[in-house]
Amino acid sequence: MISSKTHAILDYLVGILLIAAPWLLGFADDSAATTIPVILGISTILYSLLTNYEYSVARMIPYKVHLTIDFLAGILLLTSPWLFGFSDRVYLPHVIVGAFEIVAVLLSRKATSTVPAPKQI
């Protein structure tokens, strides 16, 4: 099982990878093939900064909600080459990282062990 602490680290790494992948792997252009991973990468970093787990700035989003968002983002990324019509040019990076996100969610513990829940005001 993946701890919430490890999951947090993976979130930031995957976010950075998604942002950089189009340029690192040579499919950077103005198409959905580029914009989808970049938007998902930026989003991943932003909601990770707001998740109630280790390495967060403001613990506002419950960890289980975060995992749900990760899962849905993984499905979107994995299917995006066919949903948005660029599978004839590039699909493997989207499929690999999308599948990784889904597997990471499935293997992650569903609760944090060291982070207290946010206090209600």
PDB file of N, CA and C in Angstrom:
ATOM      1  N   MET A   1       0.832  -1.190   0.000  1.00  0.00           N
ATOM      2  CA  MET A   1       0.000   0.000   0.000  1.00  0.00           C
ATOM      3  C   MET A   1       0.878   1.256   0.000  1.00  0.00           C
ATOM      4  N   ILE A   2       0.372   2.282  -0.615  1.00  0.00           N
ATOM      5  CA  ILE A   2       1.076   3.554  -0.694  1.00  0.00           C
ATOM      6  C   ILE A   2       0.548   4.453   0.425  1.00  0.00           C
ATOM      7  N   SER A   3       1.439   4.957   1.254  1.00  0.00           N
ATOM      8  CA  SER A   3       1.027   5.857   2.334  1.00  0.00           C
ATOM      9  C   SER A   3       0.624   7.210   1.755  1.00  0.00           C
ATOM     10  N   SER A   4      -0.106   7.977   2.545  1.00  0.00           N
ATOM     11  CA  SER A   4      -0.506   9.306   2.092  1.00  0.00           C
ATOM     12  C   SER A   4       0.716  10.196   1.885  1.00  0.00           C
ATOM     13  N   LYS A   5       1.752   9.997   2.673  1.00  0.00           N
ATOM     14  CA  LYS A   5       2.987  10.779   2.521  1.00  0.00           C
ATOM     15  C   LYS A   5       3.647  10.481   1.175  1.00  0.00           C
ATOM     16  N   THR A   6       3.746   9.204   0.843  1.00  0.00           N
ATOM     17  CA  THR A   6       4.308   8.824  -0.456  1.00  0.00           C
ATOM     18  C   THR A   6       3.412   9.289  -1.592  1.00  0.00           C
ATOM     19  N   HIS A   7       2.108   9.180  -1.391  1.00  0.00           N
ATOM     20  CA  HIS A   7       1.158   9.627  -2.410  1.00  0.00           C
ATOM     21  C   HIS A   7       1.333  11.125  -2.674  1.00  0.00           C
ATOM     22  N   ALA A   8       1.542  11.899  -1.620  1.00  0.00           N
ATOM     23  CA  ALA A   8       1.747  13.342  -1.774  1.00  0.00           C
ATOM     24  C   ALA A   8       2.973  13.619  -2.643  1.00  0.00           C
ATOM     25  N   ILE A   9       4.057  12.913  -2.380  1.00  0.00           N
ATOM     26  CA  ILE A   9       5.278  13.086  -3.181  1.00  0.00           C
ATOM     27  C   ILE A   9       5.007  12.731  -4.632  1.00  0.00           C
ATOM     28  N   LEU A  10       4.315  11.610  -4.847  1.00  0.00           N
ATOM     29  CA  LEU A  10       3.990  11.188  -6.209  1.00  0.00           C
ATOM     30  C   LEU A  10       3.124  12.225  -6.918  1.00  0.00           C
ATOM     31  N   ASP A  11       2.194  12.835  -6.190  1.00  0.00           N
ATOM     32  CA  ASP A  11       1.337  13.853  -6.801  1.00  0.00           C
ATOM     33  C   ASP A  11       2.153  14.995  -7.396  1.00  0.00           C
ATOM     34  N   TYR A  12       3.078  15.515  -6.613  1.00  0.00           N
ATOM     35  CA  TYR A  12       3.883  16.640  -7.103  1.00  0.00           C
ATOM     36  C   TYR A  12       4.783  16.215  -8.261  1.00  0.00           C
ATOM     37  N   LEU A  13       5.358  15.021  -8.183  1.00  0.00           N
ATOM     38  CA  LEU A  13       6.208  14.529  -9.272  1.00  0.00           C
ATOM     39  C   LEU A  13       5.405  14.313 -10.555  1.00  0.00           C
ATOM     40  N   VAL A  14       4.237  13.703 -10.422  1.00  0.00           N
ATOM     41  CA  VAL A  14       3.382  13.481 -11.595  1.00  0.00           C
ATOM     42  C   VAL A  14       2.909  14.812 -12.169  1.00  0.00           C
ATOM     43  N   GLY A  15       2.562  15.762 -11.313  1.00  0.00           N
ATOM     44  CA  GLY A  15       2.156  17.084 -11.797  1.00  0.00           C
ATOM     45  C   GLY A  15       3.242  17.740 -12.636  1.00  0.00           C
ATOM     46  N   ILE A  16       4.468  17.705 -12.133  1.00  0.00           N
ATOM     47  CA  ILE A  16       5.599  18.282 -12.870  1.00  0.00           C
ATOM     48  C   ILE A  16       5.834  17.518 -14.168  1.00  0.00           C
ATOM     49  N   LEU A  17       5.774  16.189 -14.101  1.00  0.00           N
ATOM     50  CA  LEU A  17       5.965  15.366 -15.299  1.00  0.00           C
ATOM     51  C   LEU A  17       4.915  15.678 -16.358  1.00  0.00           C
ATOM     52  N   LEU A  18       3.665  15.810 -15.938  1.00  0.00           N
ATOM     53  CA  LEU A  18       2.602  16.113 -16.902  1.00  0.00           C
ATOM     54  C   LEU A  18       2.820  17.461 -17.584  1.00  0.00           C
ATOM     55  N   ILE A  19       3.263  18.429 -16.824  1.00  0.00           N
ATOM     56  CA  ILE A  19       3.517  19.758 -17.400  1.00  0.00           C
ATOM     57  C   ILE A  19       4.677  19.701 -18.398  1.00  0.00           C
ATOM     58  N   ALA A  20       5.714  18.972 -18.070  1.00  0.00           N
ATOM     59  CA  ALA A  20       6.921  18.935 -18.893  1.00  0.00           C
ATOM     60  C   ALA A  20       6.868  17.922 -20.042  1.00  0.00           C
ATOM     61  N   ALA A  21       6.033  16.895 -19.934  1.00  0.00           N
ATOM     62  CA  ALA A  21       6.025  15.789 -20.902  1.00  0.00           C
ATOM     63  C   ALA A  21       5.914  16.208 -22.368  1.00  0.00           C
ATOM     64  N   PRO A  22       5.031  17.133 -22.718  1.00  0.00           N
ATOM     65  CA  PRO A  22       4.936  17.475 -24.140  1.00  0.00           C
ATOM     66  C   PRO A  22       6.262  17.970 -24.738  1.00  0.00           C
ATOM     67  N   TRP A  23       7.037  18.698 -23.956  1.00  0.00           N
ATOM     68  CA  TRP A  23       8.305  19.209 -24.459  1.00  0.00           C
ATOM     69  C   TRP A  23       9.401  18.155 -24.349  1.00  0.00           C
ATOM     70  N   LEU A  24       9.379  17.383 -23.288  1.00  0.00           N
ATOM     71  CA  LEU A  24      10.381  16.326 -23.116  1.00  0.00           C
ATOM     72  C   LEU A  24      10.222  15.217 -24.148  1.00  0.00           C
ATOM     73  N   LEU A  25       8.981  14.937 -24.534  1.00  0.00           N
ATOM     74  CA  LEU A  25       8.702  13.809 -25.421  1.00  0.00           C
ATOM     75  C   LEU A  25       8.362  14.223 -26.851  1.00  0.00           C
ATOM     76  N   GLY A  26       8.447  15.519 -27.137  1.00  0.00           N
ATOM     77  CA  GLY A  26       8.328  15.997 -28.512  1.00  0.00           C
ATOM     78  C   GLY A  26       6.931  16.065 -29.101  1.00  0.00           C
ATOM     79  N   PHE A  27       5.909  16.255 -28.283  1.00  0.00           N
ATOM     80  CA  PHE A  27       4.580  16.433 -28.856  1.00  0.00           C
ATOM     81  C   PHE A  27       3.950  17.767 -28.444  1.00  0.00           C
ATOM     82  N   ALA A  28       4.799  18.748 -28.156  1.00  0.00           N
ATOM     83  CA  ALA A  28       4.319  20.072 -27.762  1.00  0.00           C
ATOM     84  C   ALA A  28       3.829  20.837 -28.988  1.00  0.00           C
ATOM     85  N   ASP A  29       2.576  21.181 -28.973  1.00  0.00           N
ATOM     86  CA  ASP A  29       1.975  22.040 -29.995  1.00  0.00           C
ATOM     87  C   ASP A  29       0.750  22.691 -29.348  1.00  0.00           C
ATOM     88  N   ASP A  30      -0.109  23.257 -30.111  1.00  0.00           N
ATOM     89  CA  ASP A  30      -1.285  23.920 -29.543  1.00  0.00           C
ATOM     90  C   ASP A  30      -2.517  23.017 -29.531  1.00  0.00           C
ATOM     91  N   SER A  31      -2.296  21.707 -29.559  1.00  0.00           N
ATOM     92  CA  SER A  31      -3.427  20.783 -29.618  1.00  0.00           C
ATOM     93  C   SER A  31      -3.777  20.243 -28.235  1.00  0.00           C
ATOM     94  N   ALA A  32      -4.844  19.479 -28.189  1.00  0.00           N
ATOM     95  CA  ALA A  32      -5.277  18.842 -26.944  1.00  0.00           C
ATOM     96  C   ALA A  32      -4.220  17.885 -26.409  1.00  0.00           C
ATOM     97  N   ALA A  33      -3.401  17.321 -27.285  1.00  0.00           N
ATOM     98  CA  ALA A  33      -2.337  16.410 -26.845  1.00  0.00           C
ATOM     99  C   ALA A  33      -1.395  17.098 -25.872  1.00  0.00           C
ATOM    100  N   THR A  34      -1.207  18.392 -26.030  1.00  0.00           N
ATOM    101  CA  THR A  34      -0.354  19.179 -25.140  1.00  0.00           C
ATOM    102  C   THR A  34      -1.151  19.789 -23.994  1.00  0.00           C
ATOM    103  N   THR A  35      -2.272  20.404 -24.311  1.00  0.00           N
ATOM    104  CA  THR A  35      -2.989  21.154 -23.280  1.00  0.00           C
ATOM    105  C   THR A  35      -3.576  20.271 -22.182  1.00  0.00           C
ATOM    106  N   ILE A  36      -4.031  19.089 -22.513  1.00  0.00           N
ATOM    107  CA  ILE A  36      -4.632  18.222 -21.489  1.00  0.00           C
ATOM    108  C   ILE A  36      -3.625  17.840 -20.413  1.00  0.00           C
ATOM    109  N   PRO A  37      -2.443  17.295 -20.746  1.00  0.00           N
ATOM    110  CA  PRO A  37      -1.507  16.979 -19.664  1.00  0.00           C
ATOM    111  C   PRO A  37      -1.025  18.212 -18.895  1.00  0.00           C
ATOM    112  N   VAL A  38      -0.857  19.325 -19.586  1.00  0.00           N
ATOM    113  CA  VAL A  38      -0.408  20.535 -18.889  1.00  0.00           C
ATOM    114  C   VAL A  38      -1.475  21.010 -17.899  1.00  0.00           C
ATOM    115  N   ILE A  39      -2.725  21.053 -18.332  1.00  0.00           N
ATOM    116  CA  ILE A  39      -3.802  21.470 -17.429  1.00  0.00           C
ATOM    117  C   ILE A  39      -3.951  20.490 -16.271  1.00  0.00           C
ATOM    118  N   LEU A  40      -3.894  19.191 -16.559  1.00  0.00           N
ATOM    119  CA  LEU A  40      -3.996  18.206 -15.482  1.00  0.00           C
ATOM    120  C   LEU A  40      -2.801  18.288 -14.533  1.00  0.00           C
ATOM    121  N   GLY A  41      -1.622  18.573 -15.060  1.00  0.00           N
ATOM    122  CA  GLY A  41      -0.435  18.722 -14.212  1.00  0.00           C
ATOM    123  C   GLY A  41      -0.548  19.918 -13.278  1.00  0.00           C
ATOM    124  N   ILE A  42      -0.962  21.050 -13.820  1.00  0.00           N
ATOM    125  CA  ILE A  42      -1.147  22.249 -12.996  1.00  0.00           C
ATOM    126  C   ILE A  42      -2.241  21.998 -11.960  1.00  0.00           C
ATOM    127  N   SER A  43      -3.341  21.398 -12.389  1.00  0.00           N
ATOM    128  CA  SER A  43      -4.440  21.098 -11.472  1.00  0.00           C
ATOM    129  C   SER A  43      -3.996  20.166 -10.351  1.00  0.00           C
ATOM    130  N   THR A  44      -3.237  19.140 -10.701  1.00  0.00           N
ATOM    131  CA  THR A  44      -2.756  18.186  -9.705  1.00  0.00           C
ATOM    132  C   THR A  44      -1.923  18.883  -8.642  1.00  0.00           C
ATOM    133  N   ILE A  45      -1.035  19.751  -9.059  1.00  0.00           N
ATOM    134  CA  ILE A  45      -0.209  20.480  -8.100  1.00  0.00           C
ATOM    135  C   ILE A  45      -1.083  21.387  -7.228  1.00  0.00           C
ATOM    136  N   LEU A  46      -2.030  22.078  -7.838  1.00  0.00           N
ATOM    137  CA  LEU A  46      -2.884  22.999  -7.075  1.00  0.00           C
ATOM    138  C   LEU A  46      -3.750  22.272  -6.051  1.00  0.00           C
ATOM    139  N   TYR A  47      -4.441  21.204  -6.460  1.00  0.00           N
ATOM    140  CA  TYR A  47      -5.289  20.540  -5.469  1.00  0.00           C
ATOM    141  C   TYR A  47      -4.473  19.736  -4.468  1.00  0.00           C
ATOM    142  N   SER A  48      -3.257  19.372  -4.813  1.00  0.00           N
ATOM    143  CA  SER A  48      -2.365  18.718  -3.845  1.00  0.00           C
ATOM    144  C   SER A  48      -1.937  19.701  -2.760  1.00  0.00           C
ATOM    145  N   LEU A  49      -1.702  20.929  -3.147  1.00  0.00           N
ATOM    146  CA  LEU A  49      -1.346  21.964  -2.169  1.00  0.00           C
ATOM    147  C   LEU A  49      -2.486  22.225  -1.181  1.00  0.00           C
ATOM    148  N   LEU A  50      -3.714  21.878  -1.576  1.00  0.00           N
ATOM    149  CA  LEU A  50      -4.893  22.146  -0.751  1.00  0.00           C
ATOM    150  C   LEU A  50      -5.466  20.892  -0.084  1.00  0.00           C
ATOM    151  N   THR A  51      -4.794  19.756  -0.227  1.00  0.00           N
ATOM    152  CA  THR A  51      -5.304  18.490   0.307  1.00  0.00           C
ATOM    153  C   THR A  51      -4.885  18.288   1.758  1.00  0.00           C
ATOM    154  N   ASN A  52      -5.735  17.647   2.515  1.00  0.00           N
ATOM    155  CA  ASN A  52      -5.452  17.350   3.913  1.00  0.00           C
ATOM    156  C   ASN A  52      -4.538  16.124   4.008  1.00  0.00           C
ATOM    157  N   TYR A  53      -3.250  16.354   3.675  1.00  0.00           N
ATOM    158  CA  TYR A  53      -2.234  15.325   3.813  1.00  0.00           C
ATOM    159  C   TYR A  53      -0.872  15.977   3.931  1.00  0.00           C
ATOM    160  N   GLU A  54       0.127  15.140   4.100  1.00  0.00           N
ATOM    161  CA  GLU A  54       1.490  15.637   4.256  1.00  0.00           C
ATOM    162  C   GLU A  54       1.897  16.453   3.022  1.00  0.00           C
ATOM    163  N   TYR A  55       2.783  17.408   3.227  1.00  0.00           N
ATOM    164  CA  TYR A  55       3.331  18.256   2.161  1.00  0.00           C
ATOM    165  C   TYR A  55       2.286  19.147   1.500  1.00  0.00           C
ATOM    166  N   SER A  56       1.289  19.535   2.249  1.00  0.00           N
ATOM    167  CA  SER A  56       0.245  20.430   1.776  1.00  0.00           C
ATOM    168  C   SER A  56       0.452  21.801   2.399  1.00  0.00           C
ATOM    169  N   VAL A  57      -0.056  22.814   1.756  1.00  0.00           N
ATOM    170  CA  VAL A  57       0.029  24.172   2.272  1.00  0.00           C
ATOM    171  C   VAL A  57      -1.215  24.521   3.087  1.00  0.00           C
ATOM    172  N   ALA A  58      -2.375  24.186   2.557  1.00  0.00           N
ATOM    173  CA  ALA A  58      -3.650  24.461   3.237  1.00  0.00           C
ATOM    174  C   ALA A  58      -4.489  23.196   3.159  1.00  0.00           C
ATOM    175  N   ARG A  59      -4.781  22.620   4.272  1.00  0.00           N
ATOM    176  CA  ARG A  59      -5.456  21.317   4.316  1.00  0.00           C
ATOM    177  C   ARG A  59      -6.972  21.484   4.267  1.00  0.00           C
ATOM    178  N   MET A  60      -7.475  21.797   3.076  1.00  0.00           N
ATOM    179  CA  MET A  60      -8.895  22.097   2.902  1.00  0.00           C
ATOM    180  C   MET A  60      -9.661  20.977   2.200  1.00  0.00           C
ATOM    181  N   ILE A  61      -9.017  20.204   1.349  1.00  0.00           N
ATOM    182  CA  ILE A  61      -9.682  19.143   0.594  1.00  0.00           C
ATOM    183  C   ILE A  61      -9.452  17.815   1.311  1.00  0.00           C
ATOM    184  N   PRO A  62     -10.507  17.087   1.645  1.00  0.00           N
ATOM    185  CA  PRO A  62     -10.324  15.781   2.271  1.00  0.00           C
ATOM    186  C   PRO A  62      -9.522  14.834   1.362  1.00  0.00           C
ATOM    187  N   TYR A  63      -8.717  14.015   1.989  1.00  0.00           N
ATOM    188  CA  TYR A  63      -7.852  13.096   1.239  1.00  0.00           C
ATOM    189  C   TYR A  63      -8.663  12.164   0.338  1.00  0.00           C
ATOM    190  N   LYS A  64      -9.797  11.675   0.806  1.00  0.00           N
ATOM    191  CA  LYS A  64     -10.618  10.786  -0.036  1.00  0.00           C
ATOM    192  C   LYS A  64     -11.147  11.517  -1.266  1.00  0.00           C
ATOM    193  N   VAL A  65     -11.473  12.788  -1.131  1.00  0.00           N
ATOM    194  CA  VAL A  65     -11.897  13.580  -2.288  1.00  0.00           C
ATOM    195  C   VAL A  65     -10.722  13.734  -3.253  1.00  0.00           C
ATOM    196  N   HIS A  66      -9.545  13.978  -2.710  1.00  0.00           N
ATOM    197  CA  HIS A  66      -8.338  14.073  -3.528  1.00  0.00           C
ATOM    198  C   HIS A  66      -8.140  12.793  -4.342  1.00  0.00           C
ATOM    199  N   LEU A  67      -8.275  11.640  -3.688  1.00  0.00           N
ATOM    200  CA  LEU A  67      -8.102  10.363  -4.386  1.00  0.00           C
ATOM    201  C   LEU A  67      -9.122  10.199  -5.506  1.00  0.00           C
ATOM    202  N   THR A  68     -10.337  10.644  -5.277  1.00  0.00           N
ATOM    203  CA  THR A  68     -11.368  10.585  -6.314  1.00  0.00           C
ATOM    204  C   THR A  68     -10.990  11.463  -7.501  1.00  0.00           C
ATOM    205  N   ILE A  69     -10.497  12.656  -7.225  1.00  0.00           N
ATOM    206  CA  ILE A  69     -10.062  13.556  -8.303  1.00  0.00           C
ATOM    207  C   ILE A  69      -8.904  12.921  -9.073  1.00  0.00           C
ATOM    208  N   ASP A  70      -7.945  12.354  -8.349  1.00  0.00           N
ATOM    209  CA  ASP A  70      -6.825  11.663  -9.009  1.00  0.00           C
ATOM    210  C   ASP A  70      -7.328  10.559  -9.934  1.00  0.00           C
ATOM    211  N   PHE A  71      -8.262   9.760  -9.442  1.00  0.00           N
ATOM    212  CA  PHE A  71      -8.799   8.645 -10.219  1.00  0.00           C
ATOM    213  C   PHE A  71      -9.461   9.144 -11.500  1.00  0.00           C
ATOM    214  N   LEU A  72     -10.295  10.164 -11.365  1.00  0.00           N
ATOM    215  CA  LEU A  72     -10.983  10.723 -12.528  1.00  0.00           C
ATOM    216  C   LEU A  72      -9.999  11.366 -13.507  1.00  0.00           C
ATOM    217  N   ALA A  73      -8.986  12.038 -12.979  1.00  0.00           N
ATOM    218  CA  ALA A  73      -7.958  12.643 -13.844  1.00  0.00           C
ATOM    219  C   ALA A  73      -7.201  11.550 -14.595  1.00  0.00           C
ATOM    220  N   GLY A  74      -6.935  10.436 -13.920  1.00  0.00           N
ATOM    221  CA  GLY A  74      -6.258   9.315 -14.570  1.00  0.00           C
ATOM    222  C   GLY A  74      -7.084   8.747 -15.714  1.00  0.00           C
ATOM    223  N   ILE A  75      -8.379   8.597 -15.480  1.00  0.00           N
ATOM    224  CA  ILE A  75      -9.260   8.099 -16.544  1.00  0.00           C
ATOM    225  C   ILE A  75      -9.293   9.076 -17.714  1.00  0.00           C
ATOM    226  N   LEU A  76      -9.421  10.369 -17.409  1.00  0.00           N
ATOM    227  CA  LEU A  76      -9.435  11.377 -18.470  1.00  0.00           C
ATOM    228  C   LEU A  76      -8.135  11.344 -19.263  1.00  0.00           C
ATOM    229  N   LEU A  77      -7.014  11.311 -18.568  1.00  0.00           N
ATOM    230  CA  LEU A  77      -5.721  11.305 -19.252  1.00  0.00           C
ATOM    231  C   LEU A  77      -5.561  10.052 -20.106  1.00  0.00           C
ATOM    232  N   LEU A  78      -5.917   8.900 -19.553  1.00  0.00           N
ATOM    233  CA  LEU A  78      -5.765   7.634 -20.266  1.00  0.00           C
ATOM    234  C   LEU A  78      -6.614   7.584 -21.536  1.00  0.00           C
ATOM    235  N   THR A  79      -7.799   8.126 -21.483  1.00  0.00           N
ATOM    236  CA  THR A  79      -8.712   8.068 -22.634  1.00  0.00           C
ATOM    237  C   THR A  79      -8.628   9.290 -23.548  1.00  0.00           C
ATOM    238  N   SER A  80      -7.916  10.326 -23.131  1.00  0.00           N
ATOM    239  CA  SER A  80      -7.890  11.583 -23.887  1.00  0.00           C
ATOM    240  C   SER A  80      -7.433  11.460 -25.340  1.00  0.00           C
ATOM    241  N   PRO A  81      -6.472  10.600 -25.677  1.00  0.00           N
ATOM    242  CA  PRO A  81      -6.091  10.527 -27.094  1.00  0.00           C
ATOM    243  C   PRO A  81      -7.262  10.163 -28.012  1.00  0.00           C
ATOM    244  N   TRP A  82      -8.187   9.348 -27.532  1.00  0.00           N
ATOM    245  CA  TRP A  82      -9.338   8.945 -28.333  1.00  0.00           C
ATOM    246  C   TRP A  82     -10.498   9.912 -28.161  1.00  0.00           C
ATOM    247  N   LEU A  83     -10.684  10.429 -26.952  1.00  0.00           N
ATOM    248  CA  LEU A  83     -11.766  11.390 -26.720  1.00  0.00           C
ATOM    249  C   LEU A  83     -11.567  12.676 -27.512  1.00  0.00           C
ATOM    250  N   PHE A  84     -10.310  13.105 -27.636  1.00  0.00           N
ATOM    251  CA  PHE A  84     -10.016  14.391 -28.269  1.00  0.00           C
ATOM    252  C   PHE A  84      -9.355  14.250 -29.634  1.00  0.00           C
ATOM    253  N   GLY A  85      -9.257  13.019 -30.141  1.00  0.00           N
ATOM    254  CA  GLY A  85      -8.868  12.786 -31.525  1.00  0.00           C
ATOM    255  C   GLY A  85      -7.406  12.987 -31.887  1.00  0.00           C
ATOM    256  N   PHE A  86      -6.494  12.716 -30.974  1.00  0.00           N
ATOM    257  CA  PHE A  86      -5.080  12.837 -31.346  1.00  0.00           C
ATOM    258  C   PHE A  86      -4.325  11.511 -31.214  1.00  0.00           C
ATOM    259  N   SER A  87      -5.050  10.410 -31.125  1.00  0.00           N
ATOM    260  CA  SER A  87      -4.411   9.104 -30.945  1.00  0.00           C
ATOM    261  C   SER A  87      -3.558   8.686 -32.137  1.00  0.00           C
ATOM    262  N   ASP A  88      -3.806   9.275 -33.304  1.00  0.00           N
ATOM    263  CA  ASP A  88      -2.996   8.952 -34.479  1.00  0.00           C
ATOM    264  C   ASP A  88      -1.607   9.594 -34.409  1.00  0.00           C
ATOM    265  N   ARG A  89      -1.423  10.593 -33.527  1.00  0.00           N
ATOM    266  CA  ARG A  89      -0.123  11.272 -33.395  1.00  0.00           C
ATOM    267  C   ARG A  89       0.628  10.846 -32.146  1.00  0.00           C
ATOM    268  N   VAL A  90      -0.077  10.806 -31.009  1.00  0.00           N
ATOM    269  CA  VAL A  90       0.563  10.458 -29.743  1.00  0.00           C
ATOM    270  C   VAL A  90      -0.503   9.908 -28.798  1.00  0.00           C
ATOM    271  N   TYR A  91      -0.167   8.855 -28.104  1.00  0.00           N
ATOM    272  CA  TYR A  91      -1.105   8.324 -27.115  1.00  0.00           C
ATOM    273  C   TYR A  91      -0.401   7.650 -25.943  1.00  0.00           C
ATOM    274  N   LEU A  92       0.778   7.096 -26.169  1.00  0.00           N
ATOM    275  CA  LEU A  92       1.438   6.301 -25.139  1.00  0.00           C
ATOM    276  C   LEU A  92       1.740   7.061 -23.846  1.00  0.00           C
ATOM    277  N   PRO A  93       2.271   8.293 -23.892  1.00  0.00           N
ATOM    278  CA  PRO A  93       2.508   9.001 -22.627  1.00  0.00           C
ATOM    279  C   PRO A  93       1.221   9.220 -21.825  1.00  0.00           C
ATOM    280  N   HIS A  94       0.151   9.530 -22.510  1.00  0.00           N
ATOM    281  CA  HIS A  94      -1.135   9.770 -21.858  1.00  0.00           C
ATOM    282  C   HIS A  94      -1.653   8.487 -21.210  1.00  0.00           C
ATOM    283  N   VAL A  95      -1.544   7.390 -21.934  1.00  0.00           N
ATOM    284  CA  VAL A  95      -2.023   6.102 -21.428  1.00  0.00           C
ATOM    285  C   VAL A  95      -1.180   5.645 -20.233  1.00  0.00           C
ATOM    286  N   ILE A  96       0.129   5.751 -20.342  1.00  0.00           N
ATOM    287  CA  ILE A  96       1.016   5.278 -19.272  1.00  0.00           C
ATOM    288  C   ILE A  96       0.806   6.084 -17.992  1.00  0.00           C
ATOM    289  N   VAL A  97       0.822   7.408 -18.090  1.00  0.00           N
ATOM    290  CA  VAL A  97       0.678   8.231 -16.887  1.00  0.00           C
ATOM    291  C   VAL A  97      -0.745   8.128 -16.337  1.00  0.00           C
ATOM    292  N   GLY A  98      -1.734   8.074 -17.211  1.00  0.00           N
ATOM    293  CA  GLY A  98      -3.120   7.902 -16.753  1.00  0.00           C
ATOM    294  C   GLY A  98      -3.294   6.586 -16.008  1.00  0.00           C
ATOM    295  N   ALA A  99      -2.753   5.511 -16.548  1.00  0.00           N
ATOM    296  CA  ALA A  99      -2.836   4.206 -15.884  1.00  0.00           C
ATOM    297  C   ALA A  99      -2.074   4.226 -14.561  1.00  0.00           C
ATOM    298  N   PHE A 100      -0.924   4.893 -14.539  1.00  0.00           N
ATOM    299  CA  PHE A 100      -0.158   5.016 -13.298  1.00  0.00           C
ATOM    300  C   PHE A 100      -0.980   5.716 -12.221  1.00  0.00           C
ATOM    301  N   GLU A 101      -1.668   6.788 -12.601  1.00  0.00           N
ATOM    302  CA  GLU A 101      -2.495   7.519 -11.631  1.00  0.00           C
ATOM    303  C   GLU A 101      -3.605   6.629 -11.066  1.00  0.00           C
ATOM    304  N   ILE A 102      -4.250   5.877 -11.925  1.00  0.00           N
ATOM    305  CA  ILE A 102      -5.330   4.994 -11.488  1.00  0.00           C
ATOM    306  C   ILE A 102      -4.796   3.929 -10.529  1.00  0.00           C
ATOM    307  N   VAL A 103      -3.685   3.297 -10.890  1.00  0.00           N
ATOM    308  CA  VAL A 103      -3.093   2.263 -10.040  1.00  0.00           C
ATOM    309  C   VAL A 103      -2.626   2.858  -8.715  1.00  0.00           C
ATOM    310  N   ALA A 104      -2.052   4.051  -8.754  1.00  0.00           N
ATOM    311  CA  ALA A 104      -1.595   4.700  -7.514  1.00  0.00           C
ATOM    312  C   ALA A 104      -2.767   4.947  -6.570  1.00  0.00           C
ATOM    313  N   VAL A 105      -3.900   5.352  -7.098  1.00  0.00           N
ATOM    314  CA  VAL A 105      -5.082   5.562  -6.259  1.00  0.00           C
ATOM    315  C   VAL A 105      -5.541   4.227  -5.663  1.00  0.00           C
ATOM    316  N   LEU A 106      -5.604   3.202  -6.493  1.00  0.00           N
ATOM    317  CA  LEU A 106      -6.075   1.902  -6.023  1.00  0.00           C
ATOM    318  C   LEU A 106      -5.158   1.305  -4.953  1.00  0.00           C
ATOM    319  N   LEU A 107      -3.866   1.632  -5.021  1.00  0.00           N
ATOM    320  CA  LEU A 107      -2.910   1.100  -4.057  1.00  0.00           C
ATOM    321  C   LEU A 107      -2.687   2.000  -2.849  1.00  0.00           C
ATOM    322  N   SER A 108      -3.273   3.181  -2.869  1.00  0.00           N
ATOM    323  CA  SER A 108      -3.072   4.133  -1.771  1.00  0.00           C
ATOM    324  C   SER A 108      -3.984   3.824  -0.601  1.00  0.00           C
ATOM    325  N   ARG A 109      -3.446   4.011   0.593  1.00  0.00           N
ATOM    326  CA  ARG A 109      -4.291   3.934   1.786  1.00  0.00           C
ATOM    327  C   ARG A 109      -5.341   5.019   1.678  1.00  0.00           C
ATOM    328  N   LYS A 110      -6.522   4.730   2.140  1.00  0.00           N
ATOM    329  CA  LYS A 110      -7.638   5.667   1.965  1.00  0.00           C
ATOM    330  C   LYS A 110      -7.748   6.702   3.084  1.00  0.00           C
ATOM    331  N   ALA A 111      -6.812   6.673   4.015  1.00  0.00           N
ATOM    332  CA  ALA A 111      -6.816   7.652   5.098  1.00  0.00           C
ATOM    333  C   ALA A 111      -5.380   8.042   5.409  1.00  0.00           C
ATOM    334  N   THR A 112      -5.205   9.260   5.869  1.00  0.00           N
ATOM    335  CA  THR A 112      -3.891   9.706   6.305  1.00  0.00           C
ATOM    336  C   THR A 112      -3.678   9.211   7.719  1.00  0.00           C
ATOM    337  N   SER A 113      -2.430   8.973   8.078  1.00  0.00           N
ATOM    338  CA  SER A 113      -2.165   8.454   9.420  1.00  0.00           C
ATOM    339  C   SER A 113      -1.639   9.528  10.368  1.00  0.00           C
ATOM    340  N   THR A 114      -1.062  10.593   9.836  1.00  0.00           N
ATOM    341  CA  THR A 114      -0.446  11.568  10.706  1.00  0.00           C
ATOM    342  C   THR A 114      -1.016  12.963  10.606  1.00  0.00           C
ATOM    343  N   VAL A 115      -1.937  13.191   9.698  1.00  0.00           N
ATOM    344  CA  VAL A 115      -2.463  14.535   9.496  1.00  0.00           C
ATOM    345  C   VAL A 115      -3.839  14.648  10.134  1.00  0.00           C
ATOM    346  N   PRO A 116      -3.997  15.531  11.118  1.00  0.00           N
ATOM    347  CA  PRO A 116      -5.314  15.697  11.731  1.00  0.00           C
ATOM    348  C   PRO A 116      -6.299  16.349  10.758  1.00  0.00           C
ATOM    349  N   ALA A 117      -7.551  16.062  10.938  1.00  0.00           N
ATOM    350  CA  ALA A 117      -8.579  16.689  10.119  1.00  0.00           C
ATOM    351  C   ALA A 117      -8.632  18.178  10.418  1.00  0.00           C
ATOM    352  N   PRO A 118      -9.015  18.991   9.439  1.00  0.00           N
ATOM    353  CA  PRO A 118      -9.106  20.429   9.699  1.00  0.00           C
ATOM    354  C   PRO A 118     -10.181  20.714  10.738  1.00  0.00           C
ATOM    355  N   LYS A 119      -9.933  21.735  11.543  1.00  0.00           N
ATOM    356  CA  LYS A 119     -10.885  22.123  12.582  1.00  0.00           C
ATOM    357  C   LYS A 119     -12.036  22.885  11.959  1.00  0.00           C
ATOM    358  N   GLN A 120     -13.231  22.591  12.452  1.00  0.00           N
ATOM    359  CA  GLN A 120     -14.427  23.286  11.992  1.00  0.00           C
ATOM    360  C   GLN A 120     -14.590  24.576  12.774  1.00  0.00           C
ATOM    361  N   ILE A 121     -14.928  25.634  12.101  1.00  0.00           N
ATOM    362  CA  ILE A 121     -15.121  26.930  12.760  1.00  0.00           C
ATOM    363  C   ILE A 121     -16.590  27.201  12.948  1.00  0.00           C
TER     364      ILE A 121
END
